N, C-alpha and C. Protein backbone atom coordinates (compact mmCIF):
# COMPACT_ATOMS: atom_id res chain seq x y z
N MET A 1 -18.43 9.60 9.58
CA MET A 1 -18.85 10.02 8.21
C MET A 1 -18.95 9.14 7.03
N VAL A 2 -19.89 8.92 6.37
CA VAL A 2 -20.00 8.05 5.25
C VAL A 2 -19.82 8.64 3.92
N HIS A 3 -18.52 8.13 3.37
CA HIS A 3 -18.13 8.76 1.95
C HIS A 3 -18.76 8.08 0.80
N SER A 4 -18.92 8.70 -0.07
CA SER A 4 -19.37 8.22 -1.44
C SER A 4 -18.50 6.77 -1.85
N PRO A 5 -19.19 6.13 -2.73
CA PRO A 5 -18.27 4.99 -3.17
C PRO A 5 -17.09 5.59 -4.29
N GLN A 6 -17.05 6.50 -4.75
CA GLN A 6 -16.14 7.39 -5.40
C GLN A 6 -14.91 7.60 -4.62
N VAL A 7 -15.30 8.16 -3.62
CA VAL A 7 -14.22 8.47 -2.46
C VAL A 7 -13.46 7.44 -2.06
N MET A 8 -14.39 6.38 -1.55
CA MET A 8 -13.77 5.03 -0.96
C MET A 8 -13.00 4.21 -2.13
N GLN A 9 -13.40 4.42 -3.28
CA GLN A 9 -12.50 3.73 -4.37
C GLN A 9 -11.18 4.32 -4.37
N ARG A 10 -11.27 5.65 -4.60
CA ARG A 10 -9.95 6.39 -4.73
C ARG A 10 -9.01 6.36 -3.48
N PHE A 11 -9.57 6.35 -2.33
CA PHE A 11 -8.97 6.23 -0.96
C PHE A 11 -8.16 4.63 -0.85
N GLU A 12 -9.08 3.86 -1.14
CA GLU A 12 -8.50 2.54 -1.03
C GLU A 12 -7.58 2.08 -2.09
N LEU A 13 -7.68 2.66 -3.28
CA LEU A 13 -6.88 2.17 -4.62
C LEU A 13 -6.37 3.34 -5.32
N PRO A 14 -5.77 4.29 -4.78
CA PRO A 14 -5.27 5.55 -5.47
C PRO A 14 -4.27 5.01 -6.65
N GLN A 15 -4.64 5.78 -7.70
CA GLN A 15 -3.83 5.34 -8.93
C GLN A 15 -2.72 6.31 -9.17
N TYR A 16 -2.70 7.45 -8.87
CA TYR A 16 -1.74 8.57 -9.07
C TYR A 16 -0.92 9.02 -8.28
N ILE A 17 -0.37 8.08 -7.33
CA ILE A 17 0.53 8.41 -6.28
C ILE A 17 1.94 8.79 -6.86
N GLN A 18 2.41 9.68 -6.54
CA GLN A 18 3.81 10.41 -7.16
C GLN A 18 4.97 9.17 -6.89
N ARG A 19 5.43 8.78 -8.08
CA ARG A 19 6.65 7.83 -8.05
C ARG A 19 7.84 8.07 -8.78
N ASP A 20 7.57 9.00 -9.70
CA ASP A 20 8.66 9.80 -10.58
C ASP A 20 9.22 11.05 -10.06
N SER A 21 10.18 11.45 -10.65
CA SER A 21 10.64 12.94 -10.41
C SER A 21 9.42 13.83 -11.07
N ALA A 22 9.63 15.09 -10.57
CA ALA A 22 8.70 15.83 -11.20
C ALA A 22 9.39 17.31 -11.47
N SER A 23 8.99 17.89 -12.51
CA SER A 23 9.45 19.44 -12.67
C SER A 23 9.17 20.41 -11.74
N ALA A 24 7.79 20.19 -11.26
CA ALA A 24 7.22 21.19 -10.32
C ALA A 24 6.49 20.51 -9.16
N VAL A 25 6.40 20.97 -7.76
CA VAL A 25 5.75 20.55 -6.90
C VAL A 25 4.94 21.67 -6.17
N GLY A 26 3.76 21.40 -5.96
CA GLY A 26 2.97 22.57 -5.14
C GLY A 26 2.22 21.82 -4.10
N SER A 27 2.30 22.58 -2.93
CA SER A 27 1.68 22.03 -1.74
C SER A 27 0.77 22.94 -1.10
N ALA A 28 -0.20 22.12 -0.64
CA ALA A 28 -1.16 23.18 0.27
C ALA A 28 -1.76 22.32 1.69
N GLY A 29 -1.95 22.91 2.67
CA GLY A 29 -2.05 22.44 4.00
C GLY A 29 -0.78 22.03 4.74
N SER A 30 -1.14 21.00 5.67
CA SER A 30 -0.21 20.75 6.56
C SER A 30 -0.43 19.47 7.35
N ARG A 31 0.57 18.72 7.68
CA ARG A 31 0.15 17.54 8.50
C ARG A 31 -0.36 17.91 9.79
N LEU A 32 0.40 18.89 10.32
CA LEU A 32 -0.11 19.64 11.74
C LEU A 32 -1.62 20.06 11.68
N ALA A 33 -2.17 20.51 10.53
CA ALA A 33 -3.49 20.93 10.26
C ALA A 33 -4.28 19.76 10.08
N GLY A 34 -3.70 18.58 9.86
CA GLY A 34 -4.29 17.44 9.59
C GLY A 34 -4.61 16.86 8.24
N ALA A 35 -4.37 17.85 7.49
CA ALA A 35 -4.25 17.57 5.71
C ALA A 35 -3.35 18.23 4.84
N LEU A 36 -2.74 17.50 4.25
CA LEU A 36 -1.48 18.02 3.19
C LEU A 36 -1.61 17.25 1.85
N VAL A 37 -1.62 18.17 0.89
CA VAL A 37 -1.64 17.69 -0.47
C VAL A 37 -0.34 18.18 -1.35
N GLU A 38 0.45 17.27 -1.95
CA GLU A 38 1.50 17.83 -2.60
C GLU A 38 1.05 17.27 -4.05
N LEU A 39 1.12 18.07 -5.14
CA LEU A 39 0.80 17.79 -6.45
C LEU A 39 2.07 17.90 -7.17
N HIS A 40 2.69 17.01 -7.89
CA HIS A 40 3.60 16.91 -8.72
C HIS A 40 3.33 16.98 -10.15
N LEU A 41 4.07 17.82 -10.86
CA LEU A 41 3.58 18.11 -12.23
C LEU A 41 4.99 18.00 -13.20
N SER A 42 4.88 17.44 -14.43
CA SER A 42 5.82 17.30 -15.19
C SER A 42 5.25 17.82 -16.66
N MET A 43 5.80 18.29 -17.57
CA MET A 43 5.49 18.52 -18.89
C MET A 43 6.06 17.45 -19.67
N GLU A 44 5.20 16.98 -20.79
CA GLU A 44 5.54 16.21 -21.70
C GLU A 44 5.23 16.78 -23.14
N ASN A 45 5.79 16.22 -24.02
CA ASN A 45 5.86 16.62 -25.80
C ASN A 45 5.99 18.26 -25.96
N SER A 46 7.06 18.49 -25.16
CA SER A 46 7.53 19.95 -25.29
C SER A 46 9.12 19.98 -25.38
N ALA A 47 9.49 19.97 -26.57
CA ALA A 47 11.10 20.00 -26.65
C ALA A 47 11.81 21.02 -26.04
N ASP A 48 11.12 22.39 -26.11
CA ASP A 48 11.66 23.48 -25.66
C ASP A 48 11.34 23.79 -24.25
N ASN A 49 10.61 22.97 -23.42
CA ASN A 49 10.20 23.23 -22.08
C ASN A 49 9.16 24.37 -21.99
N SER A 50 8.60 24.73 -22.96
CA SER A 50 7.70 25.96 -23.06
C SER A 50 6.14 25.16 -22.85
N THR A 51 5.26 25.91 -22.57
CA THR A 51 3.89 25.38 -22.43
C THR A 51 3.11 25.50 -23.40
N GLU A 52 3.55 25.75 -24.78
CA GLU A 52 2.82 25.61 -25.75
C GLU A 52 2.87 24.07 -26.28
N ASN A 53 1.72 23.62 -26.74
CA ASN A 53 1.71 22.24 -27.09
C ASN A 53 2.36 20.99 -26.18
N ALA A 54 2.38 21.55 -24.76
CA ALA A 54 2.83 20.53 -23.82
C ALA A 54 1.63 20.20 -23.21
N SER A 55 1.77 18.88 -22.64
CA SER A 55 0.49 18.30 -21.86
C SER A 55 1.41 17.88 -20.47
N LEU A 56 0.43 17.63 -19.58
CA LEU A 56 0.93 17.54 -18.16
C LEU A 56 0.83 15.86 -17.93
N ARG A 57 1.95 15.52 -16.91
CA ARG A 57 1.79 14.49 -16.26
C ARG A 57 1.80 14.84 -14.61
N ALA A 58 0.87 14.03 -14.15
CA ALA A 58 0.63 14.65 -12.79
C ALA A 58 0.65 13.31 -11.86
N GLY A 59 0.93 13.70 -10.56
CA GLY A 59 0.94 12.75 -9.56
C GLY A 59 0.82 13.41 -8.32
N PHE A 60 0.54 12.54 -7.24
CA PHE A 60 0.37 13.34 -5.74
C PHE A 60 0.85 12.58 -4.57
N ARG A 61 1.37 13.48 -3.39
CA ARG A 61 1.43 12.68 -2.25
C ARG A 61 0.36 13.39 -1.38
N ALA A 62 -0.21 12.69 -0.42
CA ALA A 62 -1.35 13.42 0.45
C ALA A 62 -1.42 12.55 1.82
N TYR A 63 -1.74 13.46 2.69
CA TYR A 63 -1.97 13.04 4.07
C TYR A 63 -3.11 13.60 4.68
N GLY A 64 -4.10 12.85 5.04
CA GLY A 64 -5.51 13.19 5.53
C GLY A 64 -6.61 12.14 5.42
N CYS A 65 -7.54 12.82 5.53
CA CYS A 65 -9.06 11.86 5.50
C CYS A 65 -9.12 11.25 3.98
N PRO A 66 -9.94 10.17 4.01
CA PRO A 66 -10.21 9.60 2.61
C PRO A 66 -10.59 10.83 1.68
N ALA A 67 -11.25 11.90 1.89
CA ALA A 67 -11.80 12.76 0.89
C ALA A 67 -10.46 13.57 0.34
N THR A 68 -9.48 14.03 1.21
CA THR A 68 -8.36 14.69 0.93
C THR A 68 -7.52 13.57 -0.28
N ILE A 69 -7.42 12.49 0.27
CA ILE A 69 -6.74 11.36 -0.79
C ILE A 69 -7.40 11.38 -2.04
N ALA A 70 -8.81 11.05 -1.92
CA ALA A 70 -9.67 10.93 -3.01
C ALA A 70 -9.59 12.31 -4.03
N SER A 71 -9.43 13.41 -3.49
CA SER A 71 -9.42 14.50 -4.17
C SER A 71 -8.35 14.85 -4.75
N ALA A 72 -7.14 14.67 -4.35
CA ALA A 72 -5.95 14.52 -5.14
C ALA A 72 -5.60 13.68 -6.20
N ASP A 73 -6.10 12.37 -6.07
CA ASP A 73 -6.13 11.41 -6.82
C ASP A 73 -7.01 11.68 -8.15
N TRP A 74 -8.12 12.16 -7.85
CA TRP A 74 -9.12 12.55 -9.04
C TRP A 74 -8.50 13.84 -9.72
N LEU A 75 -7.74 14.87 -9.00
CA LEU A 75 -7.17 16.01 -9.65
C LEU A 75 -6.22 15.60 -10.58
N ALA A 76 -5.23 14.50 -10.14
CA ALA A 76 -4.06 13.93 -10.71
C ALA A 76 -4.51 13.26 -11.90
N GLU A 77 -5.62 12.36 -11.86
CA GLU A 77 -5.99 11.74 -13.07
C GLU A 77 -6.50 12.79 -14.33
N GLN A 78 -7.41 13.96 -13.88
CA GLN A 78 -7.83 14.77 -14.81
C GLN A 78 -6.62 15.56 -15.53
N LEU A 79 -5.69 15.65 -14.64
CA LEU A 79 -4.53 16.55 -15.07
C LEU A 79 -3.63 15.84 -16.31
N ASN A 80 -3.53 14.50 -16.10
CA ASN A 80 -2.69 13.87 -17.13
C ASN A 80 -3.08 13.82 -18.45
N GLY A 81 -2.19 14.37 -19.22
CA GLY A 81 -2.67 14.24 -20.84
C GLY A 81 -3.23 15.71 -21.08
N LEU A 82 -3.79 16.48 -19.99
CA LEU A 82 -4.26 17.89 -20.21
C LEU A 82 -3.13 18.69 -20.58
N PRO A 83 -3.47 19.67 -21.70
CA PRO A 83 -2.93 20.77 -22.03
C PRO A 83 -2.34 21.57 -20.68
N VAL A 84 -1.28 22.10 -20.79
CA VAL A 84 -0.89 22.94 -19.65
C VAL A 84 -1.81 24.22 -19.34
N ASP A 85 -2.24 24.69 -20.28
CA ASP A 85 -2.81 26.00 -20.32
C ASP A 85 -4.37 25.53 -19.93
N ALA A 86 -4.77 24.39 -19.93
CA ALA A 86 -6.34 24.28 -19.79
C ALA A 86 -6.26 23.56 -18.15
N ALA A 87 -5.29 23.41 -17.45
CA ALA A 87 -5.05 23.02 -16.29
C ALA A 87 -5.85 23.91 -15.16
N THR A 88 -5.86 25.23 -15.63
CA THR A 88 -6.33 26.11 -14.71
C THR A 88 -7.91 26.15 -14.77
N GLU A 89 -8.46 25.50 -15.50
CA GLU A 89 -9.96 25.31 -15.77
C GLU A 89 -10.27 24.53 -14.70
N LEU A 90 -9.75 23.61 -14.06
CA LEU A 90 -10.19 22.68 -13.27
C LEU A 90 -10.21 23.37 -11.92
N ASP A 91 -11.40 23.27 -11.24
CA ASP A 91 -11.70 23.91 -9.83
C ASP A 91 -12.27 23.10 -8.95
N ARG A 92 -12.38 23.44 -7.69
CA ARG A 92 -12.93 22.56 -6.74
C ARG A 92 -14.43 22.15 -6.83
N HIS A 93 -15.06 23.02 -7.58
CA HIS A 93 -16.44 22.43 -7.91
C HIS A 93 -16.43 21.16 -8.69
N ALA A 94 -15.56 20.98 -9.66
CA ALA A 94 -15.46 19.66 -10.48
C ALA A 94 -15.10 18.50 -9.59
N ILE A 95 -14.23 18.86 -8.57
CA ILE A 95 -13.90 17.58 -7.62
C ILE A 95 -15.30 17.46 -6.80
N ILE A 96 -15.91 18.37 -6.37
CA ILE A 96 -16.76 18.15 -5.47
C ILE A 96 -18.00 17.52 -6.10
N ARG A 97 -18.26 17.58 -7.26
CA ARG A 97 -19.45 17.01 -8.18
C ARG A 97 -19.17 15.65 -8.43
N ALA A 98 -17.69 15.34 -8.82
CA ALA A 98 -17.03 14.26 -9.41
C ALA A 98 -17.08 13.15 -7.94
N LEU A 99 -16.80 13.71 -6.88
CA LEU A 99 -16.76 12.78 -5.69
C LEU A 99 -17.79 12.70 -4.80
N GLU A 100 -18.77 13.54 -5.03
CA GLU A 100 -20.10 13.87 -4.20
C GLU A 100 -19.60 14.13 -2.88
N LEU A 101 -18.72 15.06 -2.82
CA LEU A 101 -18.14 15.41 -1.48
C LEU A 101 -19.35 16.25 -0.64
N PRO A 102 -19.54 15.92 0.54
CA PRO A 102 -20.58 16.71 1.34
C PRO A 102 -20.01 18.02 1.87
N ALA A 103 -20.79 18.89 2.42
CA ALA A 103 -20.53 20.19 2.60
C ALA A 103 -19.13 20.11 3.63
N ALA A 104 -19.16 19.19 4.55
CA ALA A 104 -18.24 19.10 5.63
C ALA A 104 -16.60 18.57 5.04
N ARG A 105 -16.70 18.31 3.70
CA ARG A 105 -15.39 17.92 3.12
C ARG A 105 -15.04 18.38 2.01
N GLN A 106 -15.73 19.48 1.78
CA GLN A 106 -15.51 20.48 0.46
C GLN A 106 -14.08 20.85 0.38
N HIS A 107 -13.67 21.27 1.61
CA HIS A 107 -12.37 21.99 1.94
C HIS A 107 -11.23 21.02 1.33
N CYS A 108 -11.46 19.85 1.41
CA CYS A 108 -10.64 18.98 0.61
C CYS A 108 -10.36 19.13 -0.68
N ALA A 109 -11.29 19.33 -1.45
CA ALA A 109 -11.15 19.71 -2.85
C ALA A 109 -10.30 20.93 -2.97
N ALA A 110 -10.88 22.02 -2.19
CA ALA A 110 -10.17 23.24 -2.17
C ALA A 110 -8.64 23.10 -2.10
N LEU A 111 -8.15 22.30 -1.35
CA LEU A 111 -6.88 22.05 -0.78
C LEU A 111 -6.15 21.54 -2.11
N ALA A 112 -6.67 20.40 -2.71
CA ALA A 112 -6.19 19.84 -4.06
C ALA A 112 -5.92 21.09 -5.22
N VAL A 113 -7.09 21.97 -5.35
CA VAL A 113 -6.93 22.88 -6.23
C VAL A 113 -5.74 23.94 -5.94
N GLU A 114 -5.71 24.23 -4.39
CA GLU A 114 -4.65 25.16 -4.10
C GLU A 114 -3.28 24.48 -4.21
N ALA A 115 -2.98 23.34 -4.33
CA ALA A 115 -2.02 22.61 -4.54
C ALA A 115 -1.51 22.70 -6.03
N LEU A 116 -2.60 22.44 -6.91
CA LEU A 116 -2.50 22.73 -8.22
C LEU A 116 -1.97 24.22 -8.57
N GLY A 117 -2.42 24.96 -8.23
CA GLY A 117 -2.01 26.65 -8.24
C GLY A 117 -0.62 26.75 -7.96
N ALA A 118 -0.35 26.24 -6.95
CA ALA A 118 1.27 26.18 -6.42
C ALA A 118 2.14 25.54 -7.50
N ALA A 119 1.63 24.41 -7.91
CA ALA A 119 2.42 23.59 -8.58
C ALA A 119 2.61 24.35 -10.19
N LEU A 120 1.44 24.85 -10.70
CA LEU A 120 1.64 25.61 -12.00
C LEU A 120 2.43 26.86 -11.96
N GLN A 121 2.30 27.35 -10.67
CA GLN A 121 3.18 28.71 -10.59
C GLN A 121 4.82 28.10 -10.55
N ASN A 122 5.05 26.99 -9.91
CA ASN A 122 6.34 26.53 -9.82
C ASN A 122 6.89 25.89 -11.46
N LEU A 123 5.81 25.36 -11.94
CA LEU A 123 6.05 24.84 -13.34
C LEU A 123 6.53 26.07 -14.27
N HIS A 124 6.03 27.22 -13.95
CA HIS A 124 6.25 28.50 -15.12
C HIS A 124 7.51 29.14 -14.56
N ARG A 125 8.35 28.72 -13.42
CA ARG A 125 9.55 29.44 -13.20
C ARG A 125 10.52 29.06 -14.12
């Protein structure tokens, strides 16, 4: 399969691989299924750990094809500095457009967004 230049750039040089501890982790998929995305979130600028006036810091770990890695990296980039409440506005369609994912790889974007939902749920606990 031929991937877009955007996918290959993010696959070859991902910028948002998780290196620090996170307040919340959400995952989707599995290694056994061939694709796994873990999204790591932390809140910044919030002295009381509430989501009001807080922004996100995000990173990821992923296993899978280039489109899976690229989807997780793109999503983490968009989340960094974003207000917590705005994170739910990101959807798979934004990833699909940005990375020019073909129909056969659009499930990779859905996997990244599913991991985001799980991470946000864990962040609010």
